[in-house]
Amino acid sequence: MPRGGRRHARHRWRENSEGAVRNVALCVVVLSFVALFAGAASVSAGALDEVPTGHWSYAAVDSLMQRGLVEGYRAAPYSGPTPLTRAEMAGLVARAVRGVGEAMQAHGKQLEMLAQAPAGDATATPAAPESQPAPAVTQEDLARIDKLLAEFRNELVTMGANVDKIAKQLADLQKSVAETRKQVDKVSQEVTRHKISGYAQIRYTIDGSATPTSQFSVRRAKIALSGPLGKITSYKMEFDAPTQSSTTQSSLILNQAYGAINLHKATLFVGQFYVPFGWEEFTPNRDLEAPEEALAVKKLFSDQKYDRGVRVDAPLGSNWVGRLAVINGTGVRRGDTNDRKDVALRIAHVDKSLEYGVSGYFGKDTVLATATAPRADANRNLFGAHVFASRGKGVLKGEVIVGEAAASDAIAAGAKDVLGWTVLAGYVPSWKDELAVRFNRFDPDRHKTDSITDWTSLIWLHWLDESVRLRLAGEFVRPDAGANYDIFTTELQVVY
């Protein structure tokens, strides 16, 4: 699975937060038992004694009610001259303890979503809107509960509650609250500071294609600066020096350069950013198992991993995220060559272990003028679908792209009916290793025979630590037209 320093840190935070949520869930089960018997069990000898109207427990329970932490109540039920009995007050205490546990569980999930999607990240997934945010449980709330449990212990025991077990779980909850606060403060600091990040891929490649080569190269060397500009604005700039070898020296390229504006639930990006289409086109190269994108992506989106324009990301409901961009359609290495703008759309359902979605791309690609062919526009209307699933130690990814477009090496021929698909199966025996096999096929002209190319990749990924990854890949290319060839890659990726 894709892991970098920052992503792996999120993985550890997710494990910690889920552990806290599981502890809370155990508490909720016990407290459900308490609430079940709160009104039905027999009462002790003193349970019918009244709680004096000036007793501190009224204020404590009322404070919890006003904060929405007492199940079934939003305001104090006592408003008349007749005080509550100790049994009635114990029933409210039982409901308060259960409400605190459920609020902790819901709040833990919300904090986990916050930790996974820091502001200003172009590839972050906006959190789904909540109908009513869970109240945050404070140390003061837990202290009130602890004091109420001690005061009404006999009545709760009569109702069937294991007060000692509840007290122990409250102590665990107090530790969870403190740990959660530390994690939230850490996330807040990450969001509100300027950061320098990036990665480099150093390779040794043996290429057995028509012009065989074997060479060391720096495939990518990226560095990014990002941070806040104001309360609702942020920025990101990313530079890349790709494909540097002993025979070529490429210039520095500005990949991403955008300002982001948080508009309530949506985020507006203006500038240069990832094109929102499919899986591999929209995923940073550092997080892909194979050395390069699938053939369909490389041919149909050549030099267009990023583009210029405006983009809106917004949640569309529970776990659904939509992204819509209006762009030049020419990438960031050349200017727009026609008077129309392209539109890219991506809608996906995102969960911890499952993502699936559909994409669309609608625009034109200009055929450059030559001595024998006038300037013309080729249609680019593409549709895609992707799925990513992980369960246990297994990973499965798939993507298909179909439509009308011209492949990057056949643009002069105009738009053709194209079809490309890829599937990857991976096995993750530990956090340090992943074994994967990927098969992808691309057909640049479905009406032509002998135009298909198959590409099979065998991949081993090994993380030396959180920031350094070794990749060994053997790739076997089998075109219908032309000779077969193989590519072997050894790569060290460093994330900083």
Protein backbone atom coordinates (compact mmCIF):
# COMPACT_ATOMS: atom_id res chain seq x y z
CA MET A 1 0.00 0.00 0.00
CA PRO A 2 1.21 3.51 -0.58
CA ARG A 3 3.09 4.80 2.40
CA GLY A 4 5.11 7.98 2.91
CA GLY A 5 6.27 9.66 6.07
CA ARG A 6 3.15 11.79 6.48
CA ARG A 7 0.75 9.08 5.33
CA HIS A 8 2.30 6.52 7.67
CA ALA A 9 1.99 8.97 10.56
CA ARG A 10 -1.72 9.25 9.76
CA HIS A 11 -1.87 5.45 9.81
CA ARG A 12 -0.49 5.40 13.38
CA TRP A 13 -2.92 8.14 14.45
CA ARG A 14 -5.81 6.21 12.95
CA GLU A 15 -4.82 3.11 14.96
CA ASN A 16 -4.60 5.16 18.17
CA SER A 17 -7.93 6.86 17.60
CA GLU A 18 -9.67 3.61 16.66
CA GLY A 19 -8.30 2.00 19.83
CA ALA A 20 -9.79 4.81 21.89
CA VAL A 21 -13.11 4.45 20.07
CA ARG A 22 -13.13 0.69 20.75
CA ASN A 23 -12.62 1.36 24.48
CA VAL A 24 -15.51 3.80 24.40
CA ALA A 25 -17.67 1.25 22.60
CA LEU A 26 -17.11 -1.25 25.44
CA CYS A 27 -18.22 1.39 27.90
CA VAL A 28 -21.34 2.09 25.82
CA VAL A 29 -22.32 -1.61 25.95
CA VAL A 30 -22.11 -1.66 29.76
CA LEU A 31 -23.98 1.61 30.04
CA SER A 32 -26.72 0.33 27.73
CA PHE A 33 -27.27 -2.39 30.34
CA VAL A 34 -27.48 0.30 33.01
CA ALA A 35 -30.10 2.29 31.08
CA LEU A 36 -32.11 -0.86 30.37
CA PHE A 37 -32.55 -1.56 34.06
CA ALA A 38 -32.73 2.07 35.15
CA GLY A 39 -36.50 2.12 35.34
CA ALA A 40 -37.35 -1.53 35.78
CA ALA A 41 -35.25 -2.83 38.68
CA SER A 42 -36.30 -2.84 42.30
CA VAL A 43 -35.16 0.05 44.45
CA SER A 44 -33.17 0.06 47.67
CA ALA A 45 -34.52 1.12 51.02
CA GLY A 46 -33.30 4.70 50.68
CA ALA A 47 -33.91 5.06 46.95
CA LEU A 48 -37.26 6.78 47.48
CA ASP A 49 -35.69 9.43 49.67
CA GLU A 50 -35.82 12.85 48.08
CA VAL A 51 -32.73 14.69 46.86
CA PRO A 52 -32.88 18.16 48.46
CA THR A 53 -33.57 20.93 45.97
CA GLY A 54 -30.30 22.66 46.80
CA HIS A 55 -28.19 19.54 46.32
CA TRP A 56 -25.17 19.90 44.01
CA SER A 57 -26.27 16.93 41.84
CA TYR A 58 -29.04 19.03 40.24
CA ALA A 59 -26.53 21.53 38.88
CA ALA A 60 -24.18 18.74 37.75
CA VAL A 61 -26.89 16.85 35.84
CA ASP A 62 -28.32 20.10 34.46
CA SER A 63 -24.87 21.07 33.09
CA LEU A 64 -24.58 17.70 31.31
CA MET A 65 -28.13 18.06 29.93
CA GLN A 66 -27.52 21.53 28.58
CA ARG A 67 -24.53 20.16 26.67
CA GLY A 68 -26.62 17.37 25.15
CA LEU A 69 -24.84 14.58 27.02
CA VAL A 70 -27.85 13.04 28.79
CA GLU A 71 -29.60 10.61 26.48
CA GLY A 72 -33.17 11.67 25.75
CA TYR A 73 -32.95 15.09 27.40
CA ARG A 74 -32.01 18.55 26.18
CA ALA A 75 -33.14 20.49 29.30
CA ALA A 76 -33.42 19.76 33.00
CA PRO A 77 -36.62 17.82 33.84
CA TYR A 78 -36.91 19.28 37.33
CA SER A 79 -38.74 22.59 37.33
CA GLY A 80 -41.33 22.29 40.10
CA PRO A 81 -41.44 22.35 43.88
CA THR A 82 -41.28 18.54 44.22
CA PRO A 83 -37.68 17.27 44.28
CA LEU A 84 -36.50 14.09 42.55
CA THR A 85 -36.01 10.87 44.47
CA ARG A 86 -32.57 9.29 44.66
CA ALA A 87 -33.78 6.51 42.34
CA GLU A 88 -34.93 9.05 39.75
CA MET A 89 -31.67 10.93 39.98
CA ALA A 90 -29.72 7.66 39.64
CA GLY A 91 -31.66 6.95 36.45
CA LEU A 92 -30.53 10.32 35.06
CA VAL A 93 -26.95 9.55 36.07
CA ALA A 94 -27.12 6.24 34.16
CA ARG A 95 -28.36 8.08 31.08
CA ALA A 96 -25.64 10.71 31.47
CA VAL A 97 -22.88 8.09 31.62
CA ARG A 98 -24.20 6.38 28.51
CA GLY A 99 -24.56 9.72 26.69
CA VAL A 100 -20.97 10.64 27.50
CA GLY A 101 -19.74 7.31 26.11
CA GLU A 102 -21.68 7.68 22.86
CA ALA A 103 -20.52 11.29 22.43
CA MET A 104 -16.91 10.18 22.88
CA GLN A 105 -17.37 7.50 20.22
CA ALA A 106 -18.92 9.91 17.69
CA HIS A 107 -16.39 12.65 18.44
CA GLY A 108 -13.52 10.20 17.98
CA LYS A 109 -14.73 9.40 14.47
CA GLN A 110 -14.97 13.10 13.61
CA LEU A 111 -11.44 13.71 14.89
CA GLU A 112 -10.18 10.79 12.82
CA MET A 113 -11.64 12.39 9.66
CA LEU A 114 -9.96 15.67 10.61
CA ALA A 115 -6.60 13.97 10.99
CA GLN A 116 -6.90 12.23 7.63
CA ALA A 117 -7.77 15.35 5.59
CA PRO A 118 -5.69 18.39 6.59
CA ALA A 119 -6.65 21.67 4.98
CA GLY A 120 -4.89 22.84 1.85
CA ASP A 121 -4.03 19.38 0.45
CA ALA A 122 -5.12 19.14 -3.19
CA THR A 123 -5.69 15.40 -2.94
CA ALA A 124 -7.38 15.42 0.45
CA THR A 125 -10.94 14.17 0.72
CA PRO A 126 -13.40 16.68 2.20
CA ALA A 127 -15.20 15.33 5.23
CA ALA A 128 -18.85 14.38 4.74
CA PRO A 129 -21.22 16.87 6.39
CA GLU A 130 -22.59 15.92 9.79
CA SER A 131 -26.27 16.51 10.53
CA GLN A 132 -25.38 17.42 14.13
CA PRO A 133 -21.78 17.51 15.38
CA ALA A 134 -21.13 15.40 18.47
CA PRO A 135 -20.49 17.42 21.67
CA ALA A 136 -16.90 17.33 22.85
CA VAL A 137 -16.55 15.64 26.26
CA THR A 138 -14.31 17.58 28.63
CA GLN A 139 -12.39 16.59 31.74
CA GLU A 140 -14.96 18.59 33.72
CA ASP A 141 -17.79 16.45 32.29
CA LEU A 142 -15.99 13.27 33.31
CA ALA A 143 -15.29 14.68 36.77
CA ARG A 144 -19.02 15.41 37.23
CA ILE A 145 -19.88 11.86 36.16
CA ASP A 146 -17.33 10.41 38.55
CA LYS A 147 -18.74 12.42 41.45
CA LEU A 148 -22.34 11.48 40.58
CA LEU A 149 -21.40 7.79 40.44
CA ALA A 150 -19.93 7.99 43.94
CA GLU A 151 -22.97 9.83 45.29
CA PHE A 152 -25.59 7.45 43.83
CA ARG A 153 -23.55 4.24 43.92
CA ASN A 154 -26.05 2.23 46.01
CA GLU A 155 -28.98 3.14 43.78
CA LEU A 156 -27.05 2.25 40.60
CA VAL A 157 -25.97 -1.11 42.07
CA THR A 158 -29.60 -1.86 42.88
CA MET A 159 -30.48 -1.11 39.27
CA GLY A 160 -27.96 -3.77 38.16
CA ALA A 161 -24.97 -1.58 37.23
CA ASN A 162 -21.38 -2.65 37.83
CA VAL A 163 -20.21 0.68 39.21
CA ASP A 164 -16.61 -0.44 39.73
CA LYS A 165 -16.34 -1.48 36.08
CA ILE A 166 -17.92 1.79 34.94
CA ALA A 167 -15.49 3.76 37.13
CA LYS A 168 -12.55 1.94 35.57
CA GLN A 169 -13.84 2.66 32.08
CA LEU A 170 -14.30 6.31 33.02
CA ALA A 171 -10.63 6.41 33.98
CA ASP A 172 -9.80 4.95 30.55
CA LEU A 173 -12.04 7.60 28.96
CA GLN A 174 -10.17 10.34 30.80
CA LYS A 175 -6.90 9.04 29.35
CA SER A 176 -8.51 8.91 25.89
CA VAL A 177 -9.68 12.50 26.20
CA ALA A 178 -6.16 13.63 27.09
CA GLU A 179 -4.62 11.64 24.21
CA THR A 180 -7.24 12.90 21.76
CA ARG A 181 -6.53 16.48 22.79
CA LYS A 182 -2.81 15.95 22.13
CA GLN A 183 -3.56 14.54 18.68
CA VAL A 184 -5.94 17.39 17.82
CA ASP A 185 -3.37 19.96 18.93
CA LYS A 186 -0.75 18.23 16.76
CA VAL A 187 -3.08 18.25 13.74
CA SER A 188 -3.93 21.90 14.36
CA GLN A 189 -0.25 22.80 14.40
CA GLU A 190 0.28 20.92 11.13
CA VAL A 191 -2.60 22.77 9.48
CA THR A 192 -1.56 26.22 10.68
CA ARG A 193 2.11 26.18 9.76
CA HIS A 194 4.03 26.44 6.52
CA LYS A 195 5.52 23.14 5.44
CA ILE A 196 8.23 21.99 3.06
CA SER A 197 7.75 18.48 1.72
CA GLY A 198 8.52 16.36 -1.30
CA TYR A 199 10.15 13.19 -2.54
CA ALA A 200 12.82 11.90 -4.91
CA GLN A 201 12.97 8.70 -6.98
CA ILE A 202 16.47 7.47 -7.86
CA ARG A 203 16.45 4.60 -10.38
CA TYR A 204 18.57 2.15 -12.22
CA THR A 205 16.71 0.94 -15.31
CA ILE A 206 17.44 -1.74 -17.87
CA ASP A 207 15.25 -0.99 -20.87
CA GLY A 208 15.07 -3.63 -23.60
CA SER A 209 12.92 -1.63 -26.04
CA ALA A 210 13.86 -0.76 -29.64
CA THR A 211 16.79 1.30 -28.34
CA PRO A 212 18.14 -0.72 -25.40
CA THR A 213 19.58 1.29 -22.52
CA SER A 214 20.75 0.78 -18.96
CA GLN A 215 21.23 3.87 -16.85
CA PHE A 216 20.94 5.61 -13.51
CA SER A 217 18.42 8.44 -13.38
CA VAL A 218 16.51 10.71 -11.05
CA ARG A 219 12.99 10.04 -12.31
CA ARG A 220 11.36 12.64 -10.11
CA ALA A 221 12.68 15.13 -7.58
CA LYS A 222 9.83 17.15 -6.13
CA ILE A 223 9.74 19.82 -3.48
CA ALA A 224 6.59 21.56 -2.29
CA LEU A 225 5.84 24.54 -0.07
CA SER A 226 2.36 24.82 1.43
CA GLY A 227 0.61 26.58 4.26
CA PRO A 228 -2.16 28.95 5.33
CA LEU A 229 -2.73 32.45 4.02
CA GLY A 230 -5.68 33.35 6.22
CA LYS A 231 -8.53 31.76 8.12
CA ILE A 232 -10.12 30.27 5.01
CA THR A 233 -7.30 30.42 2.46
CA SER A 234 -4.17 28.36 1.85
CA TYR A 235 -1.64 27.78 -0.91
CA LYS A 236 0.66 25.16 -2.40
CA MET A 237 3.60 25.34 -4.81
CA GLU A 238 5.35 22.21 -6.08
CA PHE A 239 8.44 22.05 -8.28
CA ASP A 240 9.79 19.01 -10.11
CA ALA A 241 13.03 18.16 -11.91
CA PRO A 242 12.02 14.94 -13.72
CA THR A 243 14.01 12.51 -15.89
CA GLN A 244 17.55 13.64 -15.15
CA SER A 245 20.15 11.16 -16.41
CA SER A 246 23.62 11.07 -17.89
CA THR A 247 22.26 11.98 -21.33
CA THR A 248 19.40 14.37 -20.56
CA GLN A 249 18.96 17.31 -18.23
CA SER A 250 15.41 18.64 -17.97
CA SER A 251 14.57 22.07 -16.66
CA LEU A 252 12.73 22.73 -13.42
CA ILE A 253 8.95 22.47 -13.84
CA LEU A 254 6.25 24.12 -11.74
CA ASN A 255 3.71 21.32 -11.28
CA GLN A 256 1.31 22.78 -8.76
CA ALA A 257 0.72 26.41 -7.89
CA TYR A 258 -2.69 27.20 -6.49
CA GLY A 259 -4.61 29.10 -3.90
CA ALA A 260 -7.36 27.28 -2.02
CA ILE A 261 -10.43 28.93 -0.51
CA ASN A 262 -12.65 27.07 1.95
CA LEU A 263 -16.24 27.97 1.10
CA HIS A 264 -18.20 26.46 4.00
CA LYS A 265 -18.38 22.79 2.89
CA ALA A 266 -16.64 23.19 -0.48
CA THR A 267 -13.07 24.13 -1.42
CA LEU A 268 -12.19 26.26 -4.46
CA PHE A 269 -8.76 25.81 -6.11
CA VAL A 270 -7.42 28.42 -8.52
CA GLY A 271 -4.17 27.85 -10.43
CA GLN A 272 -2.35 24.61 -11.31
CA PHE A 273 -3.46 21.34 -9.69
CA TYR A 274 -4.11 17.63 -10.24
CA VAL A 275 -6.63 16.85 -12.99
CA PRO A 276 -9.63 15.19 -11.29
CA PHE A 277 -10.03 12.05 -13.40
CA GLY A 278 -9.89 8.38 -12.48
CA TRP A 279 -7.48 6.68 -10.08
CA GLU A 280 -3.92 6.81 -11.40
CA GLU A 281 -4.25 10.22 -13.06
CA PHE A 282 -5.37 11.76 -9.76
CA THR A 283 -2.95 9.86 -7.49
CA PRO A 284 0.55 11.20 -6.73
CA ASN A 285 3.23 9.06 -8.38
CA ARG A 286 4.87 8.38 -5.03
CA ASP A 287 1.74 6.43 -3.98
CA LEU A 288 1.56 4.18 -7.07
CA GLU A 289 2.88 0.64 -6.84
CA ALA A 290 4.17 0.51 -10.45
CA PRO A 291 7.02 2.75 -11.65
CA GLU A 292 4.71 4.61 -14.07
CA GLU A 293 1.01 5.10 -14.72
CA ALA A 294 -0.94 2.63 -16.86
CA LEU A 295 -0.67 2.93 -20.64
CA ALA A 296 -4.11 4.50 -21.06
CA VAL A 297 -3.24 7.29 -18.63
CA LYS A 298 0.21 7.88 -20.14
CA LYS A 299 -1.14 8.04 -23.70
CA LEU A 300 -4.40 9.93 -23.13
CA PHE A 301 -3.08 12.35 -20.49
CA SER A 302 0.49 12.81 -21.68
CA ASP A 303 2.13 15.66 -19.72
CA GLN A 304 -1.26 16.43 -18.18
CA LYS A 305 -0.98 15.15 -14.63
CA TYR A 306 -1.54 18.79 -13.73
CA ASP A 307 -3.39 21.57 -15.54
CA ARG A 308 -4.35 25.24 -15.18
CA GLY A 309 -7.81 26.49 -14.31
CA VAL A 310 -10.32 26.38 -11.45
CA ARG A 311 -11.53 23.39 -9.47
CA VAL A 312 -14.22 22.85 -6.83
CA ASP A 313 -14.15 19.93 -4.36
CA ALA A 314 -17.24 19.30 -2.25
CA PRO A 315 -18.88 16.50 -0.25
CA LEU A 316 -22.05 15.17 -1.90
CA GLY A 317 -23.39 13.19 1.05
CA SER A 318 -22.23 10.43 3.33
CA ASN A 319 -18.71 9.44 2.12
CA TRP A 320 -19.34 10.84 -1.39
CA VAL A 321 -17.00 13.49 -2.78
CA GLY A 322 -17.34 15.40 -6.04
CA ARG A 323 -14.65 17.32 -7.93
CA LEU A 324 -15.26 19.54 -10.95
CA ALA A 325 -12.55 21.41 -12.89
CA VAL A 326 -12.54 23.80 -15.86
CA ILE A 327 -9.04 23.73 -17.35
CA ASN A 328 -6.99 24.58 -20.45
CA GLY A 329 -6.62 20.93 -21.37
CA THR A 330 -2.93 21.18 -22.33
CA GLY A 331 -1.14 20.51 -19.05
CA VAL A 332 1.42 22.90 -17.55
CA ARG A 333 4.23 22.60 -20.10
CA ARG A 334 2.51 24.44 -22.95
CA GLY A 335 -0.14 27.11 -23.39
CA ASP A 336 -3.72 26.65 -24.52
CA THR A 337 -3.96 25.99 -28.25
CA ASN A 338 -7.67 26.61 -28.81
CA ASP A 339 -10.37 28.99 -27.66
CA ARG A 340 -12.32 26.40 -25.65
CA LYS A 341 -11.85 25.05 -22.15
CA ASP A 342 -11.96 21.41 -21.08
CA VAL A 343 -14.06 20.04 -18.23
CA ALA A 344 -13.01 17.21 -15.89
CA LEU A 345 -15.36 15.62 -13.35
CA ARG A 346 -14.73 12.98 -10.69
CA ILE A 347 -17.31 11.57 -8.25
CA ALA A 348 -16.19 8.95 -5.72
CA HIS A 349 -17.39 7.12 -2.65
CA VAL A 350 -14.50 7.08 -0.19
CA ASP A 351 -14.24 4.78 2.82
CA LYS A 352 -11.35 3.39 4.87
CA SER A 353 -11.07 0.16 2.91
CA LEU A 354 -13.17 0.83 -0.20
CA GLU A 355 -13.29 3.54 -2.85
CA TYR A 356 -15.19 3.51 -6.10
CA GLY A 357 -16.17 6.22 -8.51
CA VAL A 358 -16.74 7.50 -12.02
CA SER A 359 -15.06 10.24 -14.03
CA GLY A 360 -15.65 12.25 -17.18
CA TYR A 361 -13.45 14.42 -19.39
CA PHE A 362 -14.89 16.62 -22.14
CA GLY A 363 -12.81 18.85 -24.39
CA LYS A 364 -10.70 19.31 -27.53
CA ASP A 365 -7.08 18.65 -28.41
CA THR A 366 -5.55 20.72 -31.18
CA VAL A 367 -3.72 18.96 -34.00
CA LEU A 368 -0.78 21.23 -34.73
CA ALA A 369 -0.52 22.53 -38.29
CA THR A 370 1.97 20.92 -40.69
CA ALA A 371 2.85 21.46 -44.34
CA THR A 372 0.27 18.87 -45.42
CA ALA A 373 -2.38 19.12 -42.71
CA PRO A 374 -4.22 22.26 -41.57
CA ARG A 375 -4.83 23.09 -37.94
CA ALA A 376 -7.76 21.08 -36.58
CA ASP A 377 -9.33 20.08 -33.29
CA ALA A 378 -9.65 16.47 -32.15
CA ASN A 379 -12.40 15.53 -29.68
CA ARG A 380 -11.45 14.36 -26.19
CA ASN A 381 -14.53 12.83 -24.58
CA LEU A 382 -13.51 10.21 -22.05
CA PHE A 383 -15.36 8.24 -19.38
CA GLY A 384 -13.74 6.33 -16.56
CA ALA A 385 -14.59 4.11 -13.61
CA HIS A 386 -12.30 2.99 -10.81
CA VAL A 387 -12.38 0.86 -7.66
CA PHE A 388 -9.94 0.34 -4.80
CA ALA A 389 -10.52 -2.23 -2.06
CA SER A 390 -8.40 -3.57 0.77
CA ARG A 391 -9.24 -6.33 3.19
CA GLY A 392 -6.88 -7.93 5.63
CA LYS A 393 -3.58 -8.28 3.79
CA GLY A 394 -5.08 -8.05 0.30
CA VAL A 395 -5.35 -5.07 -2.05
CA LEU A 396 -7.31 -4.83 -5.31
CA LYS A 397 -7.37 -1.86 -7.68
CA GLY A 398 -9.01 -1.51 -11.07
CA GLU A 399 -9.70 1.21 -13.62
CA VAL A 400 -11.20 1.45 -17.10
CA ILE A 401 -11.14 4.41 -19.53
CA VAL A 402 -13.21 4.51 -22.70
CA GLY A 403 -14.18 7.22 -25.16
CA GLU A 404 -13.04 9.32 -28.10
CA ALA A 405 -9.56 10.81 -28.12
CA ALA A 406 -6.17 10.81 -29.80
CA ALA A 407 -3.26 9.04 -28.15
CA SER A 408 -0.20 11.22 -27.50
CA ASP A 409 1.87 9.48 -30.20
CA ALA A 410 -0.93 9.53 -32.82
CA ILE A 411 -2.51 12.95 -32.41
CA ALA A 412 -2.02 13.87 -36.08
CA ALA A 413 -4.39 11.03 -36.97
CA GLY A 414 -7.20 12.70 -35.05
CA ALA A 415 -9.60 11.28 -32.46
CA LYS A 416 -10.30 7.54 -32.40
CA ASP A 417 -12.40 5.23 -30.24
CA VAL A 418 -10.05 4.26 -27.42
CA LEU A 419 -10.19 1.72 -24.62
CA GLY A 420 -7.80 1.16 -21.75
CA TRP A 421 -8.01 -0.79 -18.51
CA THR A 422 -5.80 -1.90 -15.67
CA VAL A 423 -6.10 -4.21 -12.68
CA LEU A 424 -3.68 -4.62 -9.78
CA ALA A 425 -3.69 -7.27 -7.05
CA GLY A 426 -1.44 -6.84 -4.03
CA TYR A 427 -0.47 -8.76 -0.92
CA VAL A 428 0.75 -6.90 2.18
CA PRO A 429 2.32 -9.35 4.65
CA SER A 430 3.53 -6.52 6.91
CA TRP A 431 3.75 -2.74 6.95
CA LYS A 432 7.23 -3.03 5.44
CA ASP A 433 6.38 -5.07 2.36
CA GLU A 434 3.95 -5.31 -0.52
CA LEU A 435 3.94 -7.75 -3.43
CA ALA A 436 1.83 -6.77 -6.43
CA VAL A 437 1.07 -7.80 -9.98
CA ARG A 438 -0.48 -5.35 -12.43
CA PHE A 439 -1.87 -5.97 -15.88
CA ASN A 440 -2.93 -3.12 -18.15
CA ARG A 441 -4.06 -2.94 -21.76
CA PHE A 442 -4.50 -0.02 -24.13
CA ASP A 443 -6.13 0.12 -27.54
CA PRO A 444 -5.74 3.53 -29.26
CA ASP A 445 -8.11 2.57 -32.10
CA ARG A 446 -10.79 -0.03 -31.39
CA HIS A 447 -11.69 -0.26 -35.09
CA LYS A 448 -8.18 -1.18 -36.13
CA THR A 449 -6.55 -4.58 -35.84
CA ASP A 450 -3.11 -5.08 -34.31
CA SER A 451 -3.29 -1.89 -32.25
CA ILE A 452 -3.44 -3.33 -28.71
CA THR A 453 -0.53 -3.22 -26.27
CA ASP A 454 -0.45 -5.39 -23.12
CA TRP A 455 1.81 -4.47 -20.21
CA THR A 456 2.37 -6.78 -17.23
CA SER A 457 4.28 -5.67 -14.11
CA LEU A 458 5.61 -7.70 -11.18
CA ILE A 459 6.43 -5.44 -8.23
CA TRP A 460 8.00 -5.71 -4.79
CA LEU A 461 7.89 -2.73 -2.45
CA HIS A 462 9.91 -2.68 0.76
CA TRP A 463 9.93 0.18 3.30
CA LEU A 464 13.28 0.56 5.01
CA ASP A 465 11.63 3.03 7.39
CA GLU A 466 8.73 5.48 7.30
CA SER A 467 10.36 7.69 4.66
CA VAL A 468 12.50 5.40 2.49
CA ARG A 469 11.09 2.78 0.11
CA LEU A 470 12.80 0.29 -2.19
CA ARG A 471 11.00 -0.78 -5.38
CA LEU A 472 11.94 -3.70 -7.64
CA ALA A 473 9.85 -4.11 -10.79
CA GLY A 474 9.94 -6.33 -13.83
CA GLU A 475 7.68 -5.18 -16.67
CA PHE A 476 6.86 -7.13 -19.81
CA VAL A 477 5.49 -5.23 -22.80
CA ARG A 478 3.68 -7.14 -25.54
CA PRO A 479 2.42 -4.95 -28.44
CA ASP A 480 0.40 -6.42 -31.32
CA ALA A 481 2.53 -4.42 -33.70
CA GLY A 482 6.25 -4.33 -33.01
CA ALA A 483 8.69 -6.40 -31.01
CA ASN A 484 8.20 -7.51 -27.43
CA TYR A 485 10.50 -6.02 -24.81
CA ASP A 486 11.10 -6.01 -21.06
CA ILE A 487 11.99 -3.30 -18.53
CA PHE A 488 13.62 -3.89 -15.14
CA THR A 489 13.67 -1.11 -12.54
CA THR A 490 15.40 -0.76 -9.19
CA GLU A 491 14.35 2.39 -7.37
CA LEU A 492 14.92 4.09 -4.04
CA GLN A 493 12.24 6.61 -3.09
CA VAL A 494 12.93 9.12 -0.31
CA VAL A 495 10.06 11.16 1.14
CA TYR A 496 10.94 14.32 3.05
